[in-house]
Protein backbone atom coordinates (compact mmCIF):
# COMPACT_ATOMS: atom_id res chain seq x y z
CA UNK A 1 9.85 14.71 -0.91
CA UNK A 2 8.84 11.51 -2.55
CA UNK A 3 10.14 11.22 -5.53
CA UNK A 4 7.63 8.88 -8.62
CA UNK A 5 9.35 7.31 -11.43
CA UNK A 6 6.06 7.97 -13.36
CA UNK A 7 3.83 11.57 -14.85
CA UNK A 8 1.41 12.00 -15.59
CA UNK A 9 0.13 11.15 -19.07
CA UNK A 10 2.96 8.35 -19.12
CA UNK A 11 0.81 5.04 -20.34
CA UNK A 12 2.14 2.08 -17.75
CA UNK A 13 1.55 -1.43 -17.28
CA UNK A 14 -0.33 -2.75 -14.18
CA UNK A 15 2.54 -5.98 -13.00
CA UNK A 16 0.47 -7.33 -10.04
CA UNK A 17 -3.08 -7.14 -9.03
CA UNK A 18 -6.26 -8.15 -10.72
CA UNK A 19 -5.81 -5.98 -13.42
CA UNK A 20 -2.25 -6.95 -14.26
CA UNK A 21 -0.54 -7.11 -17.55
CA UNK A 22 -3.19 -4.31 -19.11
CA UNK A 23 -2.27 -0.33 -19.77
CA UNK A 24 -3.65 2.89 -19.90
CA UNK A 25 -2.43 6.08 -19.28
CA UNK A 26 -1.88 7.95 -15.97
CA UNK A 27 -4.12 10.62 -15.05
CA UNK A 28 -3.28 12.07 -11.79
CA UNK A 29 -0.60 11.18 -9.99
CA UNK A 30 0.44 11.71 -5.55
CA UNK A 31 3.78 11.59 -4.51
CA UNK A 32 3.31 12.35 -0.94
CA UNK A 33 0.67 8.50 -1.14
CA UNK A 34 3.34 7.37 -3.43
CA UNK A 35 0.15 6.01 -5.79
CA UNK A 36 -1.31 6.53 -9.35
CA UNK A 37 -4.43 6.86 -10.71
CA UNK A 38 -4.89 4.78 -13.93
CA UNK A 39 -7.62 5.48 -16.49
CA UNK A 40 -10.13 2.80 -17.10
CA UNK A 41 -8.37 0.25 -14.35
CA UNK A 42 -8.32 -0.51 -10.68
CA UNK A 43 -12.48 0.30 -10.92
CA UNK A 44 -13.79 -0.09 -7.70
CA UNK A 45 -17.98 0.46 -6.90
CA UNK A 46 -19.13 4.24 -5.19
CA UNK A 47 -22.47 4.55 -3.10
CA UNK A 48 -23.25 8.19 -4.35
CA UNK A 49 -25.69 9.84 -2.50
CA UNK A 50 -28.03 12.39 -4.31
CA UNK A 51 -26.85 16.01 -3.36
CA UNK A 52 -29.16 18.51 -4.41
CA UNK A 53 -33.01 18.16 -5.01
CA UNK A 54 -34.18 15.54 -7.90
CA UNK A 55 -30.17 14.88 -8.11
CA UNK A 56 -30.00 10.59 -8.69
CA UNK A 57 -27.65 8.50 -6.69
CA UNK A 58 -26.76 5.16 -6.88
CA UNK A 59 -23.36 3.59 -6.91
CA UNK A 60 -21.22 4.90 -9.43
CA UNK A 61 -18.39 2.76 -10.92
CA UNK A 62 -14.64 5.05 -10.54
CA UNK A 63 -11.12 4.69 -11.00
CA UNK A 64 -8.88 3.87 -7.58
CA UNK A 65 -5.59 4.97 -6.80
CA UNK A 66 -2.86 1.74 -7.09
CA UNK A 67 0.86 1.85 -5.56
CA UNK A 68 3.05 3.62 -7.98
CA UNK A 69 5.45 0.27 -7.25
CA UNK A 70 3.09 -1.64 -9.32
CA UNK A 71 3.10 -0.37 -12.67
CA UNK A 72 5.70 0.23 -14.68
CA UNK A 73 6.44 2.78 -18.24
CA UNK A 74 5.93 1.30 -21.27
CA UNK A 75 8.21 2.81 -23.67
CA UNK A 76 6.25 4.07 -27.06
CA UNK A 77 9.66 3.00 -29.19
CA UNK A 78 9.49 -0.82 -28.39
CA UNK A 79 6.21 -0.89 -26.89
CA UNK A 80 7.90 -3.32 -24.03
CA UNK A 81 7.14 -2.63 -20.14
CA UNK A 82 10.67 -1.06 -18.90
CA UNK A 83 12.37 0.91 -16.13
CA UNK A 84 12.97 4.52 -16.02
CA UNK A 85 16.62 5.79 -16.32
CA UNK A 86 17.80 9.10 -16.69
CA UNK A 87 20.56 10.93 -19.24
CA UNK A 88 21.99 13.68 -18.72
CA UNK A 89 22.10 16.08 -21.45
CA UNK A 90 24.84 18.87 -22.54
CA UNK A 91 23.61 21.64 -21.51
CA UNK A 92 23.26 20.00 -17.42
CA UNK A 93 19.00 19.03 -18.21
CA UNK A 94 17.67 15.24 -17.68
CA UNK A 95 16.31 13.66 -19.90
CA UNK A 96 14.59 10.75 -19.04
CA UNK A 97 14.71 7.35 -21.53
CA UNK A 98 13.94 3.61 -21.93
CA UNK A 99 16.81 1.36 -19.97
CA UNK A 100 16.03 -1.63 -22.74
CA UNK A 101 16.57 0.38 -25.99
CA UNK A 102 18.04 3.86 -24.70
CA UNK A 103 15.51 5.67 -26.59
CA UNK A 104 13.53 9.08 -24.72
CA UNK A 105 10.75 8.40 -23.29
């Protein structure tokens, strides 16, 4: 099983590629491929064929997957892109914390 440092719903910043420096919300995570889909980022043109009678075909813009190693989680407290650190609580559960400011994510 492969682990990914981001979860669905996290706000992330893209650190490389044509969308470098832009932020967005994670819509889907694929740990098997090590990729994430970010809302409104890494847009590609997709040619869609009409499936039913009367349905319109054409070129549609859609979000494409991006490697998870090319994004960093943005801390909600300090607002900076950061690595995810973990803290083990007294009851034995793990908590994700910001490596820069120490607040929980």
